[in-house]
């Protein structure tokens, strides 16, 4: 009678454990998915936010972990958005007494000597060494006699000293004042400010700006906040309603809680069945 009762309880717990396990085996794990997001994009796609056009300039996926040491490999996904400001402001400062390249020529910047300067000069830099080397009739170096610089011209056995300021061409000079306009690097450039330290130039030109996008993270695009999600290695989803994602995360957490509970039922049921079966076949002391 004892063994018959034990068999009934063993069968009950085996059925209970098997039923729990079958539910685990047949259940489908829920995943994150967006049926109608604000934007579903691939690399190179374009979209607009408040009249500003963005381009998905890159989507990347990097593997980490694993390596044969027992750790599971994981994928880290990210992306980058880009947009162009067609009228971005650029500035460059030409320091006083510095050499700058302007219209493919070298010039020295000389700010006017005043308490509050408003103008400067560009004085052409004469490459004296190159001029001397190109003239076979003169020495490659100048000489200074009594404080005056000369170019040495060789004519047979005689030498002639030519004042350097007569031999070399007179450098060209151009003057600019604040608010003047000049062409610089292909742009119409304004002299924005002149100080004793130098002259500041300003111009407008296109500038490409970038926005980094992380997986399952918030990103602000032209003042609009989105939740970013990469469902695979080539797709970026932008969703402005974060609750859509949070509801799915809660569903996944609930699923795992249920699965853990069912595993507990299966383990306890099979363990109890084994224990009852062993106890039923213990030798009687009477």
C-alpha atoms as a PDB file:
ATOM      1  CA  UNK A   1       0.000   0.000   0.000  1.00  0.00           C
ATOM      2  CA  UNK A   2       2.870   2.316   0.868  1.00  0.00           C
ATOM      3  CA  UNK A   3       4.561   1.749  -2.474  1.00  0.00           C
ATOM      4  CA  UNK A   4       1.275   2.132  -4.343  1.00  0.00           C
ATOM      5  CA  UNK A   5       0.660   5.530  -2.731  1.00  0.00           C
ATOM      6  CA  UNK A   6       4.236   6.554  -3.423  1.00  0.00           C
ATOM      7  CA  UNK A   7       3.856   5.574  -7.078  1.00  0.00           C
ATOM      8  CA  UNK A   8       0.779   7.786  -7.364  1.00  0.00           C
ATOM      9  CA  UNK A   9       2.622  10.788  -5.909  1.00  0.00           C
ATOM     10  CA  UNK A  10       5.712  10.100  -8.038  1.00  0.00           C
ATOM     11  CA  UNK A  11       3.577  10.027 -11.176  1.00  0.00           C
ATOM     12  CA  UNK A  12       1.898  13.265 -10.137  1.00  0.00           C
ATOM     13  CA  UNK A  13       5.195  15.111  -9.652  1.00  0.00           C
ATOM     14  CA  UNK A  14       6.668  13.711 -12.864  1.00  0.00           C
ATOM     15  CA  UNK A  15       3.627  14.890 -14.815  1.00  0.00           C
ATOM     16  CA  UNK A  16       3.814  18.295 -13.130  1.00  0.00           C
ATOM     17  CA  UNK A  17       7.527  18.666 -13.846  1.00  0.00           C
ATOM     18  CA  UNK A  18       7.116  17.476 -17.447  1.00  0.00           C
ATOM     19  CA  UNK A  19       4.273  19.912 -18.024  1.00  0.00           C
ATOM     20  CA  UNK A  20       6.376  22.821 -16.725  1.00  0.00           C
ATOM     21  CA  UNK A  21       9.301  21.817 -18.909  1.00  0.00           C
ATOM     22  CA  UNK A  22       7.110  21.473 -22.004  1.00  0.00           C
ATOM     23  CA  UNK A  23       5.864  25.029 -21.520  1.00  0.00           C
ATOM     24  CA  UNK A  24       9.486  26.241 -21.330  1.00  0.00           C
ATOM     25  CA  UNK A  25      10.474  24.254 -24.418  1.00  0.00           C
ATOM     26  CA  UNK A  26       7.606  25.493 -26.565  1.00  0.00           C
ATOM     27  CA  UNK A  27       7.516  29.112 -25.390  1.00  0.00           C
ATOM     28  CA  UNK A  28       8.826  31.791 -27.777  1.00  0.00           C
ATOM     29  CA  UNK A  29      11.143  34.370 -26.288  1.00  0.00           C
ATOM     30  CA  UNK A  30       9.802  37.893 -26.980  1.00  0.00           C
ATOM     31  CA  UNK A  31      12.169  40.352 -28.698  1.00  0.00           C
ATOM     32  CA  UNK A  32      12.365  44.102 -29.197  1.00  0.00           C
ATOM     33  CA  UNK A  33      10.567  45.226 -32.327  1.00  0.00           C
ATOM     34  CA  UNK A  34       9.165  48.493 -33.677  1.00  0.00           C
ATOM     35  CA  UNK A  35       6.275  48.098 -36.103  1.00  0.00           C
ATOM     36  CA  UNK A  36       5.977  51.768 -37.055  1.00  0.00           C
ATOM     37  CA  UNK A  37       8.937  53.794 -35.746  1.00  0.00           C
ATOM     38  CA  UNK A  38       9.554  57.427 -36.618  1.00  0.00           C
ATOM     39  CA  UNK A  39      12.525  56.404 -38.766  1.00  0.00           C
ATOM     40  CA  UNK A  40      13.871  53.043 -39.935  1.00  0.00           C
ATOM     41  CA  UNK A  41      17.188  53.693 -41.649  1.00  0.00           C
ATOM     42  CA  UNK A  42      20.140  52.007 -43.342  1.00  0.00           C
ATOM     43  CA  UNK A  43      23.607  53.420 -43.960  1.00  0.00           C
ATOM     44  CA  UNK A  44      23.407  56.203 -46.539  1.00  0.00           C
ATOM     45  CA  UNK A  45      19.697  56.906 -45.951  1.00  0.00           C
ATOM     46  CA  UNK A  46      18.549  60.489 -45.450  1.00  0.00           C
ATOM     47  CA  UNK A  47      15.761  61.933 -43.290  1.00  0.00           C
ATOM     48  CA  UNK A  48      14.625  65.365 -42.146  1.00  0.00           C
ATOM     49  CA  UNK A  49      13.907  66.769 -38.702  1.00  0.00           C
ATOM     50  CA  UNK A  50      12.373  70.257 -38.674  1.00  0.00           C
ATOM     51  CA  UNK A  51      13.677  71.082 -42.169  1.00  0.00           C
ATOM     52  CA  UNK A  52      17.225  69.916 -41.402  1.00  0.00           C
ATOM     53  CA  UNK A  53      18.375  66.976 -43.511  1.00  0.00           C
ATOM     54  CA  UNK A  54      20.454  64.238 -41.929  1.00  0.00           C
ATOM     55  CA  UNK A  55      22.364  61.342 -43.476  1.00  0.00           C
ATOM     56  CA  UNK A  56      23.177  58.040 -41.787  1.00  0.00           C
ATOM     57  CA  UNK A  57      26.891  58.268 -42.482  1.00  0.00           C
ATOM     58  CA  UNK A  58      27.841  54.995 -40.775  1.00  0.00           C
ATOM     59  CA  UNK A  59      26.517  51.942 -38.935  1.00  0.00           C
ATOM     60  CA  UNK A  60      29.067  49.676 -37.262  1.00  0.00           C
ATOM     61  CA  UNK A  61      29.066  46.491 -35.212  1.00  0.00           C
ATOM     62  CA  UNK A  62      32.035  45.361 -33.116  1.00  0.00           C
ATOM     63  CA  UNK A  63      32.472  41.939 -31.551  1.00  0.00           C
ATOM     64  CA  UNK A  64      33.775  41.701 -27.987  1.00  0.00           C
ATOM     65  CA  UNK A  65      34.260  38.917 -25.430  1.00  0.00           C
ATOM     66  CA  UNK A  66      34.503  35.217 -26.238  1.00  0.00           C
ATOM     67  CA  UNK A  67      37.947  34.228 -27.391  1.00  0.00           C
ATOM     68  CA  UNK A  68      37.816  30.649 -26.113  1.00  0.00           C
ATOM     69  CA  UNK A  69      37.944  31.564 -22.421  1.00  0.00           C
ATOM     70  CA  UNK A  70      34.384  30.675 -21.605  1.00  0.00           C
ATOM     71  CA  UNK A  71      32.944  34.165 -22.061  1.00  0.00           C
ATOM     72  CA  UNK A  72      30.097  34.717 -24.459  1.00  0.00           C
ATOM     73  CA  UNK A  73      30.790  37.013 -27.408  1.00  0.00           C
ATOM     74  CA  UNK A  74      28.671  40.146 -27.665  1.00  0.00           C
ATOM     75  CA  UNK A  75      28.010  42.695 -30.382  1.00  0.00           C
ATOM     76  CA  UNK A  76      28.256  46.435 -29.753  1.00  0.00           C
ATOM     77  CA  UNK A  77      26.396  48.450 -32.385  1.00  0.00           C
ATOM     78  CA  UNK A  78      26.665  52.164 -33.012  1.00  0.00           C
ATOM     79  CA  UNK A  79      26.200  54.714 -35.752  1.00  0.00           C
ATOM     80  CA  UNK A  80      26.777  58.274 -36.822  1.00  0.00           C
ATOM     81  CA  UNK A  81      24.499  60.896 -38.355  1.00  0.00           C
ATOM     82  CA  UNK A  82      25.777  63.873 -40.327  1.00  0.00           C
ATOM     83  CA  UNK A  83      24.300  67.150 -41.487  1.00  0.00           C
ATOM     84  CA  UNK A  84      25.716  70.156 -43.338  1.00  0.00           C
ATOM     85  CA  UNK A  85      25.514  73.755 -42.184  1.00  0.00           C
ATOM     86  CA  UNK A  86      25.755  75.697 -45.444  1.00  0.00           C
ATOM     87  CA  UNK A  87      26.570  78.994 -43.739  1.00  0.00           C
ATOM     88  CA  UNK A  88      28.906  78.064 -40.893  1.00  0.00           C
ATOM     89  CA  UNK A  89      31.235  80.831 -39.675  1.00  0.00           C
ATOM     90  CA  UNK A  90      34.985  80.289 -39.914  1.00  0.00           C
ATOM     91  CA  UNK A  91      37.728  82.537 -38.550  1.00  0.00           C
ATOM     92  CA  UNK A  92      41.492  82.741 -38.865  1.00  0.00           C
ATOM     93  CA  UNK A  93      43.920  85.139 -37.205  1.00  0.00           C
ATOM     94  CA  UNK A  94      46.974  86.515 -38.971  1.00  0.00           C
ATOM     95  CA  UNK A  95      49.462  87.433 -36.257  1.00  0.00           C
ATOM     96  CA  UNK A  96      51.455  90.628 -36.456  1.00  0.00           C
ATOM     97  CA  UNK A  97      54.872  90.178 -38.135  1.00  0.00           C
ATOM     98  CA  UNK A  98      54.054  86.575 -39.115  1.00  0.00           C
ATOM     99  CA  UNK A  99      54.371  85.141 -42.608  1.00  0.00           C
ATOM    100  CA  UNK A 100      51.120  83.944 -44.233  1.00  0.00           C
ATOM    101  CA  UNK A 101      50.214  82.383 -47.564  1.00  0.00           C
ATOM    102  CA  UNK A 102      47.750  84.511 -49.522  1.00  0.00           C
ATOM    103  CA  UNK A 103      46.809  83.809 -53.155  1.00  0.00           C
ATOM    104  CA  UNK A 104      49.684  81.324 -53.423  1.00  0.00           C
ATOM    105  CA  UNK A 105      52.268  83.914 -52.368  1.00  0.00           C
ATOM    106  CA  UNK A 106      54.087  84.533 -49.093  1.00  0.00           C
ATOM    107  CA  UNK A 107      53.376  87.791 -47.254  1.00  0.00           C
ATOM    108  CA  UNK A 108      54.377  89.343 -43.957  1.00  0.00           C
ATOM    109  CA  UNK A 109      51.557  90.774 -41.830  1.00  0.00           C
ATOM    110  CA  UNK A 110      52.285  94.221 -40.391  1.00  0.00           C
ATOM    111  CA  UNK A 111      49.629  95.796 -38.171  1.00  0.00           C
ATOM    112  CA  UNK A 112      49.644  99.605 -38.108  1.00  0.00           C
ATOM    113  CA  UNK A 113      51.491 101.137 -35.174  1.00  0.00           C
ATOM    114  CA  UNK A 114      48.624 102.719 -33.204  1.00  0.00           C
ATOM    115  CA  UNK A 115      46.979 102.481 -29.792  1.00  0.00           C
ATOM    116  CA  UNK A 116      43.804 101.138 -31.379  1.00  0.00           C
ATOM    117  CA  UNK A 117      44.825  99.811 -34.816  1.00  0.00           C
ATOM    118  CA  UNK A 118      42.172  99.301 -37.474  1.00  0.00           C
ATOM    119  CA  UNK A 119      44.280  98.279 -40.473  1.00  0.00           C
ATOM    120  CA  UNK A 120      47.243  96.131 -41.506  1.00  0.00           C
ATOM    121  CA  UNK A 121      49.512  95.602 -44.470  1.00  0.00           C
ATOM    122  CA  UNK A 122      50.451  92.509 -46.429  1.00  0.00           C
ATOM    123  CA  UNK A 123      54.065  92.942 -47.532  1.00  0.00           C
ATOM    124  CA  UNK A 124      55.321  90.505 -50.168  1.00  0.00           C
ATOM    125  CA  UNK A 125      58.112  88.218 -48.988  1.00  0.00           C
ATOM    126  CA  UNK A 126      60.928  88.269 -51.543  1.00  0.00           C
ATOM    127  CA  UNK A 127      62.779  84.956 -51.764  1.00  0.00           C
ATOM    128  CA  UNK A 128      66.250  86.457 -52.010  1.00  0.00           C
ATOM    129  CA  UNK A 129      68.061  83.118 -51.868  1.00  0.00           C
ATOM    130  CA  UNK A 130      66.130  81.793 -54.865  1.00  0.00           C
ATOM    131  CA  UNK A 131      66.802  84.982 -56.872  1.00  0.00           C
ATOM    132  CA  UNK A 132      70.536  84.825 -56.155  1.00  0.00           C
ATOM    133  CA  UNK A 133      70.751  81.145 -57.059  1.00  0.00           C
ATOM    134  CA  UNK A 134      68.982  81.764 -60.375  1.00  0.00           C
ATOM    135  CA  UNK A 135      71.457  84.507 -61.348  1.00  0.00           C
ATOM    136  CA  UNK A 136      74.809  82.908 -62.343  1.00  0.00           C
ATOM    137  CA  UNK A 137      76.515  86.317 -62.439  1.00  0.00           C
ATOM    138  CA  UNK A 138      76.220  86.929 -58.684  1.00  0.00           C
ATOM    139  CA  UNK A 139      77.230  85.125 -55.529  1.00  0.00           C
ATOM    140  CA  UNK A 140      74.629  83.032 -53.745  1.00  0.00           C
ATOM    141  CA  UNK A 141      74.964  85.099 -50.577  1.00  0.00           C
ATOM    142  CA  UNK A 142      74.943  88.796 -49.853  1.00  0.00           C
ATOM    143  CA  UNK A 143      77.631  90.634 -47.901  1.00  0.00           C
ATOM    144  CA  UNK A 144      77.365  93.488 -45.428  1.00  0.00           C
ATOM    145  CA  UNK A 145      79.849  96.361 -45.578  1.00  0.00           C
ATOM    146  CA  UNK A 146      79.656  99.202 -43.044  1.00  0.00           C
ATOM    147  CA  UNK A 147      76.127  98.203 -42.158  1.00  0.00           C
ATOM    148  CA  UNK A 148      74.870  98.106 -45.748  1.00  0.00           C
ATOM    149  CA  UNK A 149      73.847  94.868 -47.463  1.00  0.00           C
ATOM    150  CA  UNK A 150      75.233  94.220 -50.954  1.00  0.00           C
ATOM    151  CA  UNK A 151      74.941  91.684 -53.747  1.00  0.00           C
ATOM    152  CA  UNK A 152      78.310  90.624 -55.168  1.00  0.00           C
ATOM    153  CA  UNK A 153      78.506  90.517 -58.973  1.00  0.00           C
ATOM    154  CA  UNK A 154      81.450  88.613 -60.455  1.00  0.00           C
ATOM    155  CA  UNK A 155      82.798  89.951 -63.789  1.00  0.00           C
ATOM    156  CA  UNK A 156      86.003  88.159 -64.679  1.00  0.00           C
ATOM    157  CA  UNK A 157      88.543  89.035 -62.015  1.00  0.00           C
ATOM    158  CA  UNK A 158      86.573  92.040 -60.779  1.00  0.00           C
ATOM    159  CA  UNK A 159      83.816  92.154 -58.189  1.00  0.00           C
ATOM    160  CA  UNK A 160      81.046  94.710 -58.078  1.00  0.00           C
ATOM    161  CA  UNK A 161      78.966  95.455 -55.003  1.00  0.00           C
ATOM    162  CA  UNK A 162      75.336  96.246 -55.757  1.00  0.00           C
ATOM    163  CA  UNK A 163      73.129  97.587 -52.937  1.00  0.00           C
ATOM    164  CA  UNK A 164      70.608  94.895 -52.095  1.00  0.00           C
ATOM    165  CA  UNK A 165      67.698  97.339 -52.168  1.00  0.00           C
ATOM    166  CA  UNK A 166      68.603  98.140 -55.792  1.00  0.00           C
ATOM    167  CA  UNK A 167      69.165  94.547 -56.915  1.00  0.00           C
ATOM    168  CA  UNK A 168      66.102  92.887 -55.436  1.00  0.00           C
ATOM    169  CA  UNK A 169      62.598  93.860 -56.633  1.00  0.00           C
ATOM    170  CA  UNK A 170      60.527  96.090 -54.420  1.00  0.00           C
ATOM    171  CA  UNK A 171      57.987  93.968 -52.511  1.00  0.00           C
ATOM    172  CA  UNK A 172      54.345  94.654 -53.284  1.00  0.00           C
ATOM    173  CA  UNK A 173      52.261  96.015 -50.426  1.00  0.00           C
ATOM    174  CA  UNK A 174      48.498  95.852 -49.908  1.00  0.00           C
ATOM    175  CA  UNK A 175      46.621  97.484 -47.060  1.00  0.00           C
ATOM    176  CA  UNK A 176      43.357  96.299 -45.520  1.00  0.00           C
ATOM    177  CA  UNK A 177      41.138  97.814 -42.852  1.00  0.00           C
ATOM    178  CA  UNK A 178      38.378  96.449 -40.651  1.00  0.00           C
ATOM    179  CA  UNK A 179      35.249  95.471 -42.639  1.00  0.00           C
ATOM    180  CA  UNK A 180      37.231  95.250 -45.891  1.00  0.00           C
ATOM    181  CA  UNK A 181      36.584  92.172 -48.054  1.00  0.00           C
ATOM    182  CA  UNK A 182      39.207  89.975 -49.698  1.00  0.00           C
ATOM    183  CA  UNK A 183      39.276  86.589 -51.404  1.00  0.00           C
ATOM    184  CA  UNK A 184      40.801  83.945 -49.145  1.00  0.00           C
ATOM    185  CA  UNK A 185      40.764  80.183 -49.791  1.00  0.00           C
ATOM    186  CA  UNK A 186      38.042  80.661 -52.393  1.00  0.00           C
ATOM    187  CA  UNK A 187      35.717  82.540 -50.043  1.00  0.00           C
ATOM    188  CA  UNK A 188      34.634  86.150 -49.732  1.00  0.00           C
ATOM    189  CA  UNK A 189      36.356  87.001 -46.449  1.00  0.00           C
ATOM    190  CA  UNK A 190      35.844  89.994 -44.168  1.00  0.00           C
ATOM    191  CA  UNK A 191      38.425  91.629 -41.931  1.00  0.00           C
ATOM    192  CA  UNK A 192      36.428  91.171 -38.734  1.00  0.00           C
ATOM    193  CA  UNK A 193      38.870  92.716 -36.243  1.00  0.00           C
ATOM    194  CA  UNK A 194      42.331  94.244 -36.044  1.00  0.00           C
ATOM    195  CA  UNK A 195      44.329  94.458 -32.811  1.00  0.00           C
ATOM    196  CA  UNK A 196      47.953  94.962 -31.920  1.00  0.00           C
ATOM    197  CA  UNK A 197      48.374  91.183 -31.938  1.00  0.00           C
ATOM    198  CA  UNK A 198      47.039  90.624 -35.435  1.00  0.00           C
ATOM    199  CA  UNK A 199      44.075  90.637 -37.810  1.00  0.00           C
ATOM    200  CA  UNK A 200      41.100  88.268 -37.586  1.00  0.00           C
ATOM    201  CA  UNK A 201      39.449  87.169 -40.827  1.00  0.00           C
ATOM    202  CA  UNK A 202      35.917  85.718 -40.955  1.00  0.00           C
ATOM    203  CA  UNK A 203      33.943  83.980 -43.692  1.00  0.00           C
ATOM    204  CA  UNK A 204      31.034  81.605 -44.171  1.00  0.00           C
ATOM    205  CA  UNK A 205      31.242  78.190 -45.835  1.00  0.00           C
ATOM    206  CA  UNK A 206      29.631  74.737 -45.535  1.00  0.00           C
ATOM    207  CA  UNK A 207      30.570  72.638 -42.501  1.00  0.00           C
ATOM    208  CA  UNK A 208      29.658  68.996 -41.895  1.00  0.00           C
ATOM    209  CA  UNK A 209      28.540  68.199 -38.357  1.00  0.00           C
ATOM    210  CA  UNK A 210      28.176  64.713 -36.874  1.00  0.00           C
ATOM    211  CA  UNK A 211      25.996  63.140 -34.173  1.00  0.00           C
ATOM    212  CA  UNK A 212      27.064  59.875 -32.535  1.00  0.00           C
ATOM    213  CA  UNK A 213      24.341  57.286 -31.947  1.00  0.00           C
ATOM    214  CA  UNK A 214      24.589  54.504 -29.348  1.00  0.00           C
ATOM    215  CA  UNK A 215      22.454  51.384 -29.200  1.00  0.00           C
ATOM    216  CA  UNK A 216      19.471  51.532 -26.806  1.00  0.00           C
ATOM    217  CA  UNK A 217      20.344  55.128 -25.921  1.00  0.00           C
ATOM    218  CA  UNK A 218      18.780  58.547 -26.308  1.00  0.00           C
ATOM    219  CA  UNK A 219      20.002  60.847 -29.076  1.00  0.00           C
ATOM    220  CA  UNK A 220      19.021  64.464 -29.758  1.00  0.00           C
ATOM    221  CA  UNK A 221      18.548  65.363 -33.421  1.00  0.00           C
ATOM    222  CA  UNK A 222      17.923  69.063 -34.097  1.00  0.00           C
ATOM    223  CA  UNK A 223      16.289  69.463 -30.679  1.00  0.00           C
ATOM    224  CA  UNK A 224      14.133  66.331 -31.047  1.00  0.00           C
ATOM    225  CA  UNK A 225      14.955  63.458 -28.710  1.00  0.00           C
ATOM    226  CA  UNK A 226      14.781  59.920 -30.037  1.00  0.00           C
ATOM    227  CA  UNK A 227      15.418  56.485 -28.625  1.00  0.00           C
ATOM    228  CA  UNK A 228      17.955  54.725 -30.868  1.00  0.00           C
ATOM    229  CA  UNK A 229      17.911  50.974 -31.436  1.00  0.00           C
ATOM    230  CA  UNK A 230      19.878  48.751 -33.818  1.00  0.00           C
ATOM    231  CA  UNK A 231      17.823  45.582 -34.507  1.00  0.00           C
ATOM    232  CA  UNK A 232      20.684  44.214 -36.646  1.00  0.00           C
ATOM    233  CA  UNK A 233      24.092  45.218 -37.985  1.00  0.00           C
ATOM    234  CA  UNK A 234      22.719  47.325 -40.833  1.00  0.00           C
ATOM    235  CA  UNK A 235      19.574  49.030 -39.505  1.00  0.00           C
ATOM    236  CA  UNK A 236      18.973  51.996 -37.211  1.00  0.00           C
ATOM    237  CA  UNK A 237      15.570  52.659 -35.661  1.00  0.00           C
ATOM    238  CA  UNK A 238      14.702  56.071 -34.185  1.00  0.00           C
ATOM    239  CA  UNK A 239      11.592  56.190 -32.003  1.00  0.00           C
ATOM    240  CA  UNK A 240      10.382  59.340 -30.250  1.00  0.00           C
ATOM    241  CA  UNK A 241       7.983  57.428 -27.944  1.00  0.00           C
ATOM    242  CA  UNK A 242      10.236  55.740 -25.387  1.00  0.00           C
ATOM    243  CA  UNK A 243       7.269  53.931 -23.794  1.00  0.00           C
ATOM    244  CA  UNK A 244       7.051  51.674 -26.877  1.00  0.00           C
ATOM    245  CA  UNK A 245      10.483  50.290 -26.024  1.00  0.00           C
ATOM    246  CA  UNK A 246       9.914  50.193 -22.260  1.00  0.00           C
ATOM    247  CA  UNK A 247       6.707  48.173 -22.598  1.00  0.00           C
ATOM    248  CA  UNK A 248       8.551  45.545 -24.623  1.00  0.00           C
ATOM    249  CA  UNK A 249      11.391  45.418 -22.085  1.00  0.00           C
ATOM    250  CA  UNK A 250       8.815  44.850 -19.326  1.00  0.00           C
ATOM    251  CA  UNK A 251       7.265  42.009 -21.354  1.00  0.00           C
ATOM    252  CA  UNK A 252      10.676  40.374 -21.760  1.00  0.00           C
ATOM    253  CA  UNK A 253      11.418  40.708 -18.039  1.00  0.00           C
ATOM    254  CA  UNK A 254       8.020  39.162 -17.193  1.00  0.00           C
ATOM    255  CA  UNK A 255       8.693  36.299 -19.615  1.00  0.00           C
ATOM    256  CA  UNK A 256      12.025  35.525 -17.973  1.00  0.00           C
ATOM    257  CA  UNK A 257      10.413  35.653 -14.536  1.00  0.00           C
ATOM    258  CA  UNK A 258       7.816  33.112 -15.675  1.00  0.00           C
ATOM    259  CA  UNK A 259      10.449  30.876 -17.246  1.00  0.00           C
ATOM    260  CA  UNK A 260      12.525  30.939 -14.066  1.00  0.00           C
ATOM    261  CA  UNK A 261       9.428  30.014 -12.079  1.00  0.00           C
ATOM    262  CA  UNK A 262       8.639  27.099 -14.390  1.00  0.00           C
ATOM    263  CA  UNK A 263      12.214  25.878 -14.146  1.00  0.00           C
ATOM    264  CA  UNK A 264      11.810  25.946 -10.387  1.00  0.00           C
ATOM    265  CA  UNK A 265       8.595  23.885 -10.608  1.00  0.00           C
ATOM    266  CA  UNK A 266      10.284  21.324 -12.890  1.00  0.00           C
ATOM    267  CA  UNK A 267      13.361  20.979 -10.699  1.00  0.00           C
ATOM    268  CA  UNK A 268      11.373  20.689  -7.468  1.00  0.00           C
ATOM    269  CA  UNK A 269       8.875  18.242  -9.032  1.00  0.00           C
ATOM    270  CA  UNK A 270      11.533  15.882 -10.416  1.00  0.00           C
ATOM    271  CA  UNK A 271      13.557  16.091  -7.220  1.00  0.00           C
ATOM    272  CA  UNK A 272      10.480  15.299  -5.107  1.00  0.00           C
ATOM    273  CA  UNK A 273       9.559  12.355  -7.349  1.00  0.00           C
ATOM    274  CA  UNK A 274      13.056  10.888  -6.999  1.00  0.00           C
ATOM    275  CA  UNK A 275      13.000  11.374  -3.245  1.00  0.00           C
ATOM    276  CA  UNK A 276       9.548   9.734  -2.862  1.00  0.00           C
ATOM    277  CA  UNK A 277      10.610   6.838  -5.058  1.00  0.00           C
ATOM    278  CA  UNK A 278      13.685   6.249  -2.936  1.00  0.00           C
ATOM    279  CA  UNK A 279      11.752   6.473   0.311  1.00  0.00           C
ATOM    280  CA  UNK A 280       9.115   4.006  -0.945  1.00  0.00           C
ATOM    281  CA  UNK A 281      11.713   1.316  -1.461  1.00  0.00           C
ATOM    282  CA  UNK A 282      13.455   1.724   1.864  1.00  0.00           C
ATOM    283  CA  UNK A 283      13.374  -1.611   3.795  1.00  0.00           C
ATOM    284  CA  UNK A 284      10.673  -1.745   6.469  1.00  0.00           C
ATOM    285  CA  UNK A 285      11.812  -2.060  10.095  1.00  0.00           C
ATOM    286  CA  UNK A 286       8.651  -3.938  11.066  1.00  0.00           C
END
